[in-house]
Amino acid sequence: DGSRLVPALQSQDRLGAIKELVDRLYGRRKVVDSLKFLQTILDREDQMSTVLGRGVALPHARCRSVAQPGVALGISQTGIAFPPDAEPVHVICMVAVPDAAPVPYLSVLSNLALLFKNSDVRAGLMACDTSMSMYQFMTKHLAQIRKMSAPHSVL
């Protein structure tokens, strides 16, 4: 379902956008302690930016406050500042993984990074105007990536 996909983030800043996505994960019971998970994500961002470039950020955390692996994805047409990077971020893809999960965490991150390197994928995602169209778009493109890696679905 597309409940963790946000075609138009309401927030204009990094903190608000990250919180919107954490709330989506919490609402779908992927995260059991939203404040702790939010703090873990922000601490990681403060240590090292998760901006991939090309207007994409991939905030992620593996921690105890996550019950099930999950992804939340948000789009900002205007762009959001993600200091210290100068380029505004338009696509934010948040990955949550439980501490003890067997999910190949680094593989999931690298596959998402590979997916977002493709300019057609970024443009197609930006053109989605509903959660369901985002879900269908991402499902189609992730299927191609999954063929090259582990068959875990986090969307």
N, C-alpha and C. Protein backbone atom coordinates (compact mmCIF):
# COMPACT_ATOMS: atom_id res chain seq x y z
N ASP A 1 0.84 -1.19 0.00
CA ASP A 1 0.00 0.00 0.00
C ASP A 1 0.88 1.24 0.00
N GLY A 2 0.30 2.35 -0.35
CA GLY A 2 1.08 3.58 -0.49
C GLY A 2 1.05 4.49 0.72
N SER A 3 0.67 3.97 1.88
CA SER A 3 0.52 4.83 3.06
C SER A 3 1.83 5.42 3.57
N ARG A 4 2.96 4.88 3.17
CA ARG A 4 4.25 5.42 3.59
C ARG A 4 4.90 6.26 2.50
N LEU A 5 4.12 6.59 1.48
CA LEU A 5 4.62 7.37 0.35
C LEU A 5 3.88 8.70 0.30
N VAL A 6 4.65 9.79 0.28
CA VAL A 6 4.08 11.13 0.37
C VAL A 6 4.43 11.92 -0.89
N PRO A 7 3.46 12.12 -1.78
CA PRO A 7 3.75 12.81 -3.04
C PRO A 7 4.00 14.31 -2.88
N ALA A 8 3.59 14.88 -1.76
CA ALA A 8 3.81 16.32 -1.53
C ALA A 8 4.05 16.55 -0.03
N LEU A 9 5.32 16.52 0.35
CA LEU A 9 5.66 16.79 1.75
C LEU A 9 5.18 18.19 2.12
N GLN A 10 4.61 18.32 3.31
CA GLN A 10 4.12 19.62 3.78
C GLN A 10 5.25 20.48 4.34
N SER A 11 6.25 19.83 4.89
CA SER A 11 7.35 20.54 5.55
C SER A 11 8.27 21.21 4.55
N GLN A 12 8.81 22.34 4.98
CA GLN A 12 9.75 23.09 4.15
C GLN A 12 11.19 22.96 4.64
N ASP A 13 11.39 22.25 5.77
CA ASP A 13 12.74 22.10 6.30
C ASP A 13 13.06 20.63 6.57
N ARG A 14 14.34 20.37 6.78
CA ARG A 14 14.82 19.00 6.96
C ARG A 14 14.16 18.30 8.14
N LEU A 15 14.12 18.95 9.29
CA LEU A 15 13.54 18.34 10.49
C LEU A 15 12.07 17.97 10.26
N GLY A 16 11.31 18.89 9.72
CA GLY A 16 9.89 18.63 9.49
C GLY A 16 9.67 17.51 8.49
N ALA A 17 10.44 17.49 7.42
CA ALA A 17 10.30 16.44 6.40
C ALA A 17 10.65 15.08 6.97
N ILE A 18 11.74 15.02 7.73
CA ILE A 18 12.13 13.75 8.35
C ILE A 18 11.05 13.30 9.33
N LYS A 19 10.51 14.23 10.11
CA LYS A 19 9.45 13.87 11.06
C LYS A 19 8.21 13.35 10.33
N GLU A 20 7.84 13.97 9.21
CA GLU A 20 6.69 13.48 8.43
C GLU A 20 6.87 12.01 8.04
N LEU A 21 8.08 11.67 7.61
CA LEU A 21 8.33 10.29 7.18
C LEU A 21 8.40 9.33 8.37
N VAL A 22 8.99 9.78 9.48
CA VAL A 22 9.00 8.96 10.69
C VAL A 22 7.55 8.67 11.12
N ASP A 23 6.70 9.69 11.06
CA ASP A 23 5.30 9.51 11.44
C ASP A 23 4.60 8.48 10.55
N ARG A 24 4.95 8.44 9.28
CA ARG A 24 4.36 7.43 8.38
C ARG A 24 4.80 6.02 8.79
N LEU A 25 6.07 5.88 9.13
CA LEU A 25 6.57 4.57 9.57
C LEU A 25 5.93 4.16 10.90
N TYR A 26 5.77 5.12 11.78
CA TYR A 26 5.14 4.86 13.08
C TYR A 26 3.66 4.49 12.89
N GLY A 27 2.98 5.20 12.02
CA GLY A 27 1.57 4.93 11.76
C GLY A 27 1.31 3.56 11.18
N ARG A 28 2.27 3.00 10.50
CA ARG A 28 2.14 1.65 9.92
C ARG A 28 2.83 0.60 10.79
N ARG A 29 3.19 0.99 12.00
CA ARG A 29 3.78 0.08 13.01
C ARG A 29 5.12 -0.50 12.60
N LYS A 30 5.81 0.19 11.73
CA LYS A 30 7.18 -0.23 11.39
C LYS A 30 8.12 0.23 12.50
N VAL A 31 7.79 1.38 13.10
CA VAL A 31 8.57 1.98 14.19
C VAL A 31 7.68 1.99 15.43
N VAL A 32 8.24 1.54 16.57
CA VAL A 32 7.45 1.47 17.81
C VAL A 32 7.68 2.68 18.73
N ASP A 33 8.79 3.36 18.56
CA ASP A 33 9.09 4.55 19.36
C ASP A 33 9.53 5.64 18.39
N SER A 34 8.57 6.49 18.01
CA SER A 34 8.86 7.47 16.95
C SER A 34 9.89 8.51 17.39
N LEU A 35 9.85 8.93 18.65
CA LEU A 35 10.81 9.94 19.11
C LEU A 35 12.23 9.40 19.13
N LYS A 36 12.38 8.17 19.59
CA LYS A 36 13.72 7.57 19.63
C LYS A 36 14.25 7.35 18.21
N PHE A 37 13.38 6.88 17.32
CA PHE A 37 13.81 6.68 15.93
C PHE A 37 14.15 8.01 15.27
N LEU A 38 13.33 9.03 15.50
CA LEU A 38 13.61 10.37 14.96
C LEU A 38 14.97 10.85 15.45
N GLN A 39 15.25 10.69 16.73
CA GLN A 39 16.54 11.14 17.27
C GLN A 39 17.69 10.36 16.67
N THR A 40 17.51 9.07 16.45
CA THR A 40 18.56 8.24 15.83
C THR A 40 18.84 8.72 14.41
N ILE A 41 17.79 9.01 13.66
CA ILE A 41 17.95 9.52 12.29
C ILE A 41 18.67 10.87 12.31
N LEU A 42 18.25 11.77 13.19
CA LEU A 42 18.87 13.10 13.25
C LEU A 42 20.32 13.03 13.70
N ASP A 43 20.62 12.15 14.67
CA ASP A 43 22.01 11.97 15.11
C ASP A 43 22.87 11.51 13.94
N ARG A 44 22.35 10.59 13.16
CA ARG A 44 23.10 10.08 12.00
C ARG A 44 23.32 11.20 10.98
N GLU A 45 22.29 12.00 10.74
CA GLU A 45 22.41 13.13 9.80
C GLU A 45 23.46 14.13 10.29
N ASP A 46 23.50 14.34 11.61
CA ASP A 46 24.48 15.28 12.17
C ASP A 46 25.91 14.75 12.03
N GLN A 47 26.07 13.43 12.11
CA GLN A 47 27.40 12.82 11.96
C GLN A 47 27.86 12.84 10.51
N MET A 48 26.95 12.47 9.62
CA MET A 48 27.28 12.43 8.19
C MET A 48 26.00 12.57 7.38
N SER A 49 26.01 13.51 6.47
CA SER A 49 24.84 13.73 5.63
C SER A 49 24.52 12.49 4.81
N THR A 50 23.24 12.22 4.65
CA THR A 50 22.81 11.09 3.82
C THR A 50 22.34 11.55 2.44
N VAL A 51 22.69 12.77 2.08
CA VAL A 51 22.35 13.27 0.75
C VAL A 51 23.23 12.55 -0.27
N LEU A 52 22.57 11.95 -1.27
CA LEU A 52 23.29 11.21 -2.31
C LEU A 52 23.70 12.11 -3.46
N GLY A 53 23.15 13.31 -3.51
CA GLY A 53 23.33 14.19 -4.65
C GLY A 53 22.15 14.05 -5.59
N ARG A 54 22.12 14.88 -6.61
CA ARG A 54 21.03 14.85 -7.60
C ARG A 54 19.66 15.07 -6.97
N GLY A 55 19.63 15.75 -5.81
CA GLY A 55 18.36 16.06 -5.16
C GLY A 55 17.75 14.93 -4.36
N VAL A 56 18.57 13.95 -3.96
CA VAL A 56 18.06 12.77 -3.23
C VAL A 56 18.78 12.63 -1.89
N ALA A 57 18.00 12.35 -0.84
CA ALA A 57 18.57 12.02 0.48
C ALA A 57 18.04 10.66 0.89
N LEU A 58 18.88 9.91 1.59
CA LEU A 58 18.55 8.55 2.01
C LEU A 58 18.80 8.39 3.52
N PRO A 59 18.03 9.12 4.36
CA PRO A 59 18.22 8.95 5.80
C PRO A 59 17.85 7.53 6.21
N HIS A 60 18.66 6.95 7.08
CA HIS A 60 18.46 5.55 7.45
C HIS A 60 18.99 5.28 8.85
N ALA A 61 18.42 4.24 9.46
CA ALA A 61 18.89 3.82 10.78
C ALA A 61 18.51 2.37 11.01
N ARG A 62 19.38 1.73 11.73
CA ARG A 62 19.14 0.36 12.20
C ARG A 62 19.16 0.47 13.72
N CYS A 63 17.99 0.25 14.35
CA CYS A 63 17.93 0.45 15.80
C CYS A 63 16.79 -0.33 16.44
N ARG A 64 16.78 -0.33 17.77
CA ARG A 64 15.79 -1.10 18.53
C ARG A 64 14.38 -0.54 18.44
N SER A 65 14.24 0.73 18.10
CA SER A 65 12.90 1.32 18.03
C SER A 65 12.16 0.96 16.75
N VAL A 66 12.79 0.15 15.90
CA VAL A 66 12.16 -0.32 14.67
C VAL A 66 11.66 -1.75 14.88
N ALA A 67 10.37 -1.98 14.62
CA ALA A 67 9.77 -3.30 14.79
C ALA A 67 9.92 -4.16 13.54
N GLN A 68 9.75 -3.54 12.37
CA GLN A 68 9.82 -4.26 11.09
C GLN A 68 10.55 -3.38 10.09
N PRO A 69 11.27 -3.99 9.15
CA PRO A 69 11.92 -3.18 8.11
C PRO A 69 10.87 -2.40 7.33
N GLY A 70 11.22 -1.18 6.99
CA GLY A 70 10.28 -0.37 6.22
C GLY A 70 10.94 0.82 5.56
N VAL A 71 10.26 1.32 4.54
CA VAL A 71 10.71 2.50 3.81
C VAL A 71 9.57 3.50 3.78
N ALA A 72 9.89 4.77 3.97
CA ALA A 72 8.94 5.86 3.76
C ALA A 72 9.60 6.79 2.74
N LEU A 73 8.80 7.29 1.83
CA LEU A 73 9.34 8.07 0.72
C LEU A 73 8.52 9.34 0.56
N GLY A 74 9.21 10.48 0.49
CA GLY A 74 8.52 11.75 0.33
C GLY A 74 9.13 12.59 -0.78
N ILE A 75 8.26 13.39 -1.41
CA ILE A 75 8.67 14.26 -2.52
C ILE A 75 8.42 15.71 -2.12
N SER A 76 9.37 16.58 -2.44
CA SER A 76 9.20 18.02 -2.28
C SER A 76 9.49 18.68 -3.62
N GLN A 77 8.48 19.22 -4.25
CA GLN A 77 8.67 19.87 -5.55
C GLN A 77 9.57 21.10 -5.42
N THR A 78 9.45 21.84 -4.31
CA THR A 78 10.24 23.06 -4.13
C THR A 78 11.66 22.77 -3.66
N GLY A 79 11.86 21.64 -3.02
CA GLY A 79 13.18 21.29 -2.51
C GLY A 79 13.34 21.71 -1.06
N ILE A 80 14.14 20.95 -0.34
CA ILE A 80 14.38 21.17 1.08
C ILE A 80 15.88 21.22 1.31
N ALA A 81 16.32 22.21 2.08
CA ALA A 81 17.74 22.31 2.43
C ALA A 81 18.11 21.18 3.39
N PHE A 82 19.19 20.49 3.07
CA PHE A 82 19.73 19.42 3.91
C PHE A 82 21.18 19.77 4.21
N PRO A 83 21.41 20.70 5.18
CA PRO A 83 22.78 21.10 5.48
C PRO A 83 23.63 19.88 5.83
N PRO A 84 24.90 19.86 5.50
CA PRO A 84 25.67 20.97 4.93
C PRO A 84 25.62 21.03 3.40
N ASP A 85 24.86 20.16 2.75
CA ASP A 85 24.80 20.16 1.30
C ASP A 85 24.10 21.41 0.78
N ALA A 86 24.61 21.97 -0.30
CA ALA A 86 24.07 23.20 -0.86
C ALA A 86 22.85 22.95 -1.74
N GLU A 87 22.83 21.81 -2.42
CA GLU A 87 21.76 21.50 -3.36
C GLU A 87 20.48 21.09 -2.61
N PRO A 88 19.33 21.65 -2.99
CA PRO A 88 18.09 21.25 -2.33
C PRO A 88 17.73 19.79 -2.64
N VAL A 89 17.08 19.16 -1.68
CA VAL A 89 16.66 17.77 -1.81
C VAL A 89 15.18 17.74 -2.19
N HIS A 90 14.86 16.93 -3.20
CA HIS A 90 13.48 16.78 -3.67
C HIS A 90 12.90 15.41 -3.34
N VAL A 91 13.75 14.41 -3.21
CA VAL A 91 13.31 13.04 -2.92
C VAL A 91 13.99 12.60 -1.62
N ILE A 92 13.16 12.24 -0.63
CA ILE A 92 13.69 11.74 0.63
C ILE A 92 13.17 10.32 0.82
N CYS A 93 14.09 9.39 0.89
CA CYS A 93 13.75 7.98 1.05
C CYS A 93 14.33 7.50 2.38
N MET A 94 13.47 7.27 3.35
CA MET A 94 13.90 6.87 4.69
C MET A 94 13.81 5.35 4.84
N VAL A 95 14.88 4.77 5.35
CA VAL A 95 14.94 3.32 5.56
C VAL A 95 15.06 3.04 7.06
N ALA A 96 14.18 2.17 7.55
CA ALA A 96 14.19 1.76 8.96
C ALA A 96 14.38 0.25 9.03
N VAL A 97 15.34 -0.18 9.84
CA VAL A 97 15.62 -1.61 9.97
C VAL A 97 15.82 -1.93 11.45
N PRO A 98 15.19 -3.01 11.95
CA PRO A 98 15.41 -3.41 13.34
C PRO A 98 16.86 -3.83 13.57
N ASP A 99 17.32 -3.64 14.79
CA ASP A 99 18.69 -4.02 15.16
C ASP A 99 19.04 -5.44 14.76
N ALA A 100 18.15 -6.38 15.08
CA ALA A 100 18.46 -7.79 14.88
C ALA A 100 17.87 -8.37 13.60
N ALA A 101 17.45 -7.53 12.69
CA ALA A 101 16.79 -8.03 11.47
C ALA A 101 17.78 -8.73 10.54
N PRO A 102 17.32 -9.80 9.90
CA PRO A 102 18.17 -10.50 8.94
C PRO A 102 18.24 -9.79 7.58
N VAL A 103 17.50 -8.68 7.44
CA VAL A 103 17.49 -7.95 6.18
C VAL A 103 18.91 -7.47 5.86
N PRO A 104 19.38 -7.68 4.66
CA PRO A 104 20.71 -7.20 4.27
C PRO A 104 20.69 -5.67 4.11
N TYR A 105 20.83 -5.01 5.24
CA TYR A 105 20.69 -3.55 5.35
C TYR A 105 21.51 -2.79 4.32
N LEU A 106 22.78 -3.09 4.22
CA LEU A 106 23.64 -2.36 3.28
C LEU A 106 23.25 -2.63 1.84
N SER A 107 22.77 -3.82 1.56
CA SER A 107 22.31 -4.15 0.22
C SER A 107 21.07 -3.34 -0.15
N VAL A 108 20.15 -3.20 0.79
CA VAL A 108 18.95 -2.39 0.56
C VAL A 108 19.34 -0.95 0.26
N LEU A 109 20.24 -0.40 1.07
CA LEU A 109 20.68 0.99 0.86
C LEU A 109 21.37 1.16 -0.48
N SER A 110 22.25 0.24 -0.83
CA SER A 110 22.97 0.39 -2.10
C SER A 110 22.04 0.23 -3.29
N ASN A 111 21.04 -0.65 -3.18
CA ASN A 111 20.08 -0.81 -4.27
C ASN A 111 19.22 0.43 -4.45
N LEU A 112 18.81 1.04 -3.34
CA LEU A 112 18.04 2.28 -3.44
C LEU A 112 18.90 3.40 -4.02
N ALA A 113 20.15 3.49 -3.59
CA ALA A 113 21.05 4.51 -4.14
C ALA A 113 21.23 4.30 -5.64
N LEU A 114 21.39 3.07 -6.05
CA LEU A 114 21.52 2.75 -7.48
C LEU A 114 20.26 3.16 -8.24
N LEU A 115 19.12 2.87 -7.68
CA LEU A 115 17.85 3.23 -8.31
C LEU A 115 17.75 4.74 -8.51
N PHE A 116 18.09 5.51 -7.47
CA PHE A 116 17.94 6.96 -7.53
C PHE A 116 19.02 7.65 -8.35
N LYS A 117 20.05 6.94 -8.75
CA LYS A 117 21.05 7.51 -9.66
C LYS A 117 20.46 7.74 -11.05
N ASN A 118 19.44 6.96 -11.38
CA ASN A 118 18.82 7.01 -12.70
C ASN A 118 17.93 8.26 -12.81
N SER A 119 18.28 9.15 -13.74
CA SER A 119 17.53 10.40 -13.88
C SER A 119 16.08 10.16 -14.30
N ASP A 120 15.82 9.10 -15.07
CA ASP A 120 14.44 8.78 -15.45
C ASP A 120 13.61 8.37 -14.24
N VAL A 121 14.23 7.66 -13.32
CA VAL A 121 13.53 7.26 -12.10
C VAL A 121 13.21 8.49 -11.27
N ARG A 122 14.18 9.37 -11.09
CA ARG A 122 13.93 10.58 -10.30
C ARG A 122 12.83 11.43 -10.93
N ALA A 123 12.90 11.62 -12.24
CA ALA A 123 11.90 12.44 -12.94
C ALA A 123 10.52 11.78 -12.87
N GLY A 124 10.47 10.47 -13.06
CA GLY A 124 9.19 9.76 -12.99
C GLY A 124 8.57 9.83 -11.61
N LEU A 125 9.39 9.72 -10.59
CA LEU A 125 8.90 9.80 -9.23
C LEU A 125 8.38 11.20 -8.93
N MET A 126 9.09 12.22 -9.39
CA MET A 126 8.67 13.60 -9.17
C MET A 126 7.34 13.89 -9.88
N ALA A 127 7.04 13.16 -10.92
CA ALA A 127 5.79 13.36 -11.67
C ALA A 127 4.59 12.68 -11.01
N CYS A 128 4.84 11.81 -10.05
CA CYS A 128 3.74 11.12 -9.36
C CYS A 128 2.98 12.11 -8.48
N ASP A 129 1.66 12.08 -8.56
CA ASP A 129 0.88 13.02 -7.76
C ASP A 129 -0.01 12.37 -6.71
N THR A 130 0.07 11.05 -6.60
CA THR A 130 -0.67 10.34 -5.55
C THR A 130 0.24 9.28 -4.93
N SER A 131 -0.11 8.87 -3.73
CA SER A 131 0.64 7.81 -3.06
C SER A 131 0.58 6.52 -3.87
N MET A 132 -0.57 6.24 -4.45
CA MET A 132 -0.72 5.00 -5.22
C MET A 132 0.12 5.04 -6.49
N SER A 133 0.19 6.18 -7.16
CA SER A 133 1.03 6.25 -8.36
C SER A 133 2.51 6.11 -7.98
N MET A 134 2.90 6.65 -6.82
CA MET A 134 4.28 6.47 -6.34
C MET A 134 4.54 4.99 -6.06
N TYR A 135 3.57 4.33 -5.42
CA TYR A 135 3.72 2.92 -5.08
C TYR A 135 3.89 2.07 -6.34
N GLN A 136 3.04 2.30 -7.31
CA GLN A 136 3.12 1.54 -8.57
C GLN A 136 4.45 1.80 -9.28
N PHE A 137 4.85 3.05 -9.31
CA PHE A 137 6.11 3.42 -9.96
C PHE A 137 7.30 2.75 -9.28
N MET A 138 7.36 2.86 -7.95
CA MET A 138 8.48 2.29 -7.21
C MET A 138 8.48 0.76 -7.27
N THR A 139 7.32 0.14 -7.19
CA THR A 139 7.23 -1.31 -7.28
C THR A 139 7.80 -1.80 -8.60
N LYS A 140 7.44 -1.13 -9.66
CA LYS A 140 7.93 -1.50 -11.00
C LYS A 140 9.45 -1.40 -11.08
N HIS A 141 9.99 -0.29 -10.60
CA HIS A 141 11.44 -0.07 -10.71
C HIS A 141 12.24 -0.89 -9.70
N LEU A 142 11.69 -1.11 -8.53
CA LEU A 142 12.39 -1.94 -7.54
C LEU A 142 12.44 -3.40 -7.97
N ALA A 143 11.45 -3.84 -8.73
CA ALA A 143 11.46 -5.23 -9.22
C ALA A 143 12.69 -5.48 -10.08
N GLN A 144 13.08 -4.49 -10.85
CA GLN A 144 14.27 -4.63 -11.69
C GLN A 144 15.52 -4.73 -10.82
N ILE A 145 15.58 -3.93 -9.77
CA ILE A 145 16.73 -3.94 -8.86
C ILE A 145 16.77 -5.25 -8.07
N ARG A 146 15.61 -5.74 -7.63
CA ARG A 146 15.55 -6.96 -6.82
C ARG A 146 16.13 -8.17 -7.54
N LYS A 147 16.04 -8.18 -8.84
CA LYS A 147 16.59 -9.30 -9.60
C LYS A 147 18.10 -9.43 -9.37
N MET A 148 18.73 -8.31 -9.00
CA MET A 148 20.18 -8.31 -8.81
C MET A 148 20.57 -8.52 -7.36
N SER A 149 19.58 -8.58 -6.44
CA SER A 149 19.93 -8.66 -5.02
C SER A 149 18.95 -9.56 -4.27
N ALA A 150 18.99 -9.44 -2.95
CA ALA A 150 18.12 -10.24 -2.09
C ALA A 150 16.66 -9.87 -2.32
N PRO A 151 15.76 -10.83 -2.18
CA PRO A 151 14.35 -10.60 -2.47
C PRO A 151 13.55 -9.98 -1.34
N HIS A 152 14.17 -9.18 -0.48
CA HIS A 152 13.44 -8.57 0.62
C HIS A 152 12.67 -7.36 0.14
N SER A 153 11.41 -7.29 0.51
CA SER A 153 10.58 -6.14 0.16
C SER A 153 10.40 -5.28 1.40
N VAL A 154 10.75 -4.02 1.30
CA VAL A 154 10.58 -3.12 2.43
C VAL A 154 9.58 -2.01 2.12
N LEU A 155 9.08 -1.97 0.89
CA LEU A 155 8.17 -0.90 0.49
C LEU A 155 6.78 -1.10 1.02
